[in-house]
């Protein structure tokens, strides 16, 4: 009898497809590396300007922005945010551009998380 499930060489194609799907491995997706945007203290940039940058560029609330600004002031540096590399570079470029437009020497950097 042709096409019998018990005979060698004859198999049910729907059964093979089910087995193939059941044994297919899922590819692992790696998260992209993240980077810290660090702001450095200087003696010339006004505190209010730094708070405004933290609110506008890094989406911090007024209280959190003030606390971060004070950390920069007291410790010499503080992490403003952690992002994928392209976002971190864009945010840091915005900080540098706005500071330069106002004539302030505010600097920052990017470090791996």
C-alpha atoms as a PDB file:
ATOM      1  CA  UNK A   1       0.000   0.000   0.000  1.00  0.00           C
ATOM      2  CA  UNK A   2       1.666   3.266  -1.153  1.00  0.00           C
ATOM      3  CA  UNK A   3       1.839   6.164   1.272  1.00  0.00           C
ATOM      4  CA  UNK A   4       1.312   4.046   4.377  1.00  0.00           C
ATOM      5  CA  UNK A   5       2.745   5.707   7.451  1.00  0.00           C
ATOM      6  CA  UNK A   6       4.334   2.429   8.597  1.00  0.00           C
ATOM      7  CA  UNK A   7       6.485   1.852   5.499  1.00  0.00           C
ATOM      8  CA  UNK A   8      10.071   3.092   5.317  1.00  0.00           C
ATOM      9  CA  UNK A   9      10.667   5.958   2.889  1.00  0.00           C
ATOM     10  CA  UNK A  10       7.107   7.166   3.161  1.00  0.00           C
ATOM     11  CA  UNK A  11       6.520   9.935   5.631  1.00  0.00           C
ATOM     12  CA  UNK A  12       3.814  12.398   6.358  1.00  0.00           C
ATOM     13  CA  UNK A  13       5.014  15.884   5.173  1.00  0.00           C
ATOM     14  CA  UNK A  14       2.904  17.720   7.765  1.00  0.00           C
ATOM     15  CA  UNK A  15       4.545  15.693  10.507  1.00  0.00           C
ATOM     16  CA  UNK A  16       8.041  16.637   9.255  1.00  0.00           C
ATOM     17  CA  UNK A  17       7.191  20.325   9.195  1.00  0.00           C
ATOM     18  CA  UNK A  18       5.952  20.186  12.778  1.00  0.00           C
ATOM     19  CA  UNK A  19       9.177  18.535  13.887  1.00  0.00           C
ATOM     20  CA  UNK A  20      11.260  21.111  12.002  1.00  0.00           C
ATOM     21  CA  UNK A  21       9.469  24.012  13.644  1.00  0.00           C
ATOM     22  CA  UNK A  22       9.721  22.405  17.059  1.00  0.00           C
ATOM     23  CA  UNK A  23      13.502  21.968  16.785  1.00  0.00           C
ATOM     24  CA  UNK A  24      14.372  25.333  15.221  1.00  0.00           C
ATOM     25  CA  UNK A  25      16.619  27.359  17.543  1.00  0.00           C
ATOM     26  CA  UNK A  26      15.832  30.974  18.324  1.00  0.00           C
ATOM     27  CA  UNK A  27      18.603  33.391  17.412  1.00  0.00           C
ATOM     28  CA  UNK A  28      20.037  35.262  20.378  1.00  0.00           C
ATOM     29  CA  UNK A  29      19.647  39.006  20.197  1.00  0.00           C
ATOM     30  CA  UNK A  30      22.323  41.004  21.982  1.00  0.00           C
ATOM     31  CA  UNK A  31      21.500  44.371  23.409  1.00  0.00           C
ATOM     32  CA  UNK A  32      23.723  47.157  22.101  1.00  0.00           C
ATOM     33  CA  UNK A  33      26.386  48.410  24.519  1.00  0.00           C
ATOM     34  CA  UNK A  34      25.429  51.450  26.565  1.00  0.00           C
ATOM     35  CA  UNK A  35      27.478  54.530  27.343  1.00  0.00           C
ATOM     36  CA  UNK A  36      27.437  57.113  30.141  1.00  0.00           C
ATOM     37  CA  UNK A  37      27.318  60.800  29.296  1.00  0.00           C
ATOM     38  CA  UNK A  38      29.451  62.524  31.932  1.00  0.00           C
ATOM     39  CA  UNK A  39      29.468  66.266  32.590  1.00  0.00           C
ATOM     40  CA  UNK A  40      32.606  67.861  34.065  1.00  0.00           C
ATOM     41  CA  UNK A  41      32.784  70.794  36.445  1.00  0.00           C
ATOM     42  CA  UNK A  42      34.366  74.117  35.520  1.00  0.00           C
ATOM     43  CA  UNK A  43      34.603  77.418  37.357  1.00  0.00           C
ATOM     44  CA  UNK A  44      32.759  79.522  34.763  1.00  0.00           C
ATOM     45  CA  UNK A  45      29.541  77.835  33.610  1.00  0.00           C
ATOM     46  CA  UNK A  46      26.585  79.058  35.701  1.00  0.00           C
ATOM     47  CA  UNK A  47      24.767  76.449  37.740  1.00  0.00           C
ATOM     48  CA  UNK A  48      21.411  77.572  36.332  1.00  0.00           C
ATOM     49  CA  UNK A  49      22.647  76.906  32.797  1.00  0.00           C
ATOM     50  CA  UNK A  50      23.706  73.353  33.719  1.00  0.00           C
ATOM     51  CA  UNK A  51      20.318  72.717  35.343  1.00  0.00           C
ATOM     52  CA  UNK A  52      18.570  73.966  32.191  1.00  0.00           C
ATOM     53  CA  UNK A  53      20.701  71.660  30.004  1.00  0.00           C
ATOM     54  CA  UNK A  54      19.909  68.667  32.193  1.00  0.00           C
ATOM     55  CA  UNK A  55      16.197  69.442  31.956  1.00  0.00           C
ATOM     56  CA  UNK A  56      16.127  70.150  28.222  1.00  0.00           C
ATOM     57  CA  UNK A  57      18.626  67.658  26.787  1.00  0.00           C
ATOM     58  CA  UNK A  58      18.492  64.830  29.320  1.00  0.00           C
ATOM     59  CA  UNK A  59      14.785  65.125  30.242  1.00  0.00           C
ATOM     60  CA  UNK A  60      15.445  65.496  33.973  1.00  0.00           C
ATOM     61  CA  UNK A  61      12.935  67.068  36.301  1.00  0.00           C
ATOM     62  CA  UNK A  62      13.882  70.300  38.098  1.00  0.00           C
ATOM     63  CA  UNK A  63      14.741  68.538  41.362  1.00  0.00           C
ATOM     64  CA  UNK A  64      16.804  65.781  39.750  1.00  0.00           C
ATOM     65  CA  UNK A  65      18.564  68.287  37.473  1.00  0.00           C
ATOM     66  CA  UNK A  66      19.510  70.421  40.480  1.00  0.00           C
ATOM     67  CA  UNK A  67      20.836  67.404  42.377  1.00  0.00           C
ATOM     68  CA  UNK A  68      22.912  66.320  39.373  1.00  0.00           C
ATOM     69  CA  UNK A  69      24.279  69.837  38.904  1.00  0.00           C
ATOM     70  CA  UNK A  70      25.334  69.900  42.561  1.00  0.00           C
ATOM     71  CA  UNK A  71      27.030  66.522  42.155  1.00  0.00           C
ATOM     72  CA  UNK A  72      28.956  67.877  39.155  1.00  0.00           C
ATOM     73  CA  UNK A  73      29.887  70.958  41.185  1.00  0.00           C
ATOM     74  CA  UNK A  74      31.002  69.075  44.317  1.00  0.00           C
ATOM     75  CA  UNK A  75      32.508  65.917  42.809  1.00  0.00           C
ATOM     76  CA  UNK A  76      33.946  67.336  39.621  1.00  0.00           C
ATOM     77  CA  UNK A  77      31.791  65.113  37.388  1.00  0.00           C
ATOM     78  CA  UNK A  78      28.454  63.306  37.250  1.00  0.00           C
ATOM     79  CA  UNK A  79      26.611  60.976  34.911  1.00  0.00           C
ATOM     80  CA  UNK A  80      23.812  62.833  33.142  1.00  0.00           C
ATOM     81  CA  UNK A  81      22.406  59.717  31.455  1.00  0.00           C
ATOM     82  CA  UNK A  82      23.129  56.305  29.946  1.00  0.00           C
ATOM     83  CA  UNK A  83      22.322  55.628  26.291  1.00  0.00           C
ATOM     84  CA  UNK A  84      23.347  53.655  23.224  1.00  0.00           C
ATOM     85  CA  UNK A  85      26.417  55.214  21.600  1.00  0.00           C
ATOM     86  CA  UNK A  86      24.681  57.235  18.880  1.00  0.00           C
ATOM     87  CA  UNK A  87      22.222  58.811  21.321  1.00  0.00           C
ATOM     88  CA  UNK A  88      25.007  59.549  23.832  1.00  0.00           C
ATOM     89  CA  UNK A  89      27.083  61.260  21.120  1.00  0.00           C
ATOM     90  CA  UNK A  90      24.119  63.336  19.976  1.00  0.00           C
ATOM     91  CA  UNK A  91      23.255  64.485  23.504  1.00  0.00           C
ATOM     92  CA  UNK A  92      26.881  65.378  24.265  1.00  0.00           C
ATOM     93  CA  UNK A  93      27.181  67.305  20.999  1.00  0.00           C
ATOM     94  CA  UNK A  94      24.045  69.262  21.984  1.00  0.00           C
ATOM     95  CA  UNK A  95      25.578  70.115  25.369  1.00  0.00           C
ATOM     96  CA  UNK A  96      28.824  71.312  23.778  1.00  0.00           C
ATOM     97  CA  UNK A  97      27.019  73.312  21.067  1.00  0.00           C
ATOM     98  CA  UNK A  98      24.711  75.106  23.532  1.00  0.00           C
ATOM     99  CA  UNK A  99      27.583  75.840  25.928  1.00  0.00           C
ATOM    100  CA  UNK A 100      29.755  77.227  23.126  1.00  0.00           C
ATOM    101  CA  UNK A 101      26.869  79.332  21.799  1.00  0.00           C
ATOM    102  CA  UNK A 102      26.630  80.985  25.221  1.00  0.00           C
ATOM    103  CA  UNK A 103      30.414  81.278  25.632  1.00  0.00           C
ATOM    104  CA  UNK A 104      30.710  78.724  28.448  1.00  0.00           C
ATOM    105  CA  UNK A 105      33.534  76.168  28.688  1.00  0.00           C
ATOM    106  CA  UNK A 106      31.273  73.306  29.865  1.00  0.00           C
ATOM    107  CA  UNK A 107      32.674  69.949  28.745  1.00  0.00           C
ATOM    108  CA  UNK A 108      31.509  66.388  28.920  1.00  0.00           C
ATOM    109  CA  UNK A 109      32.563  62.939  27.835  1.00  0.00           C
ATOM    110  CA  UNK A 110      31.303  59.477  27.010  1.00  0.00           C
ATOM    111  CA  UNK A 111      32.377  56.356  28.899  1.00  0.00           C
ATOM    112  CA  UNK A 112      31.332  52.708  28.523  1.00  0.00           C
ATOM    113  CA  UNK A 113      28.801  51.607  31.126  1.00  0.00           C
END
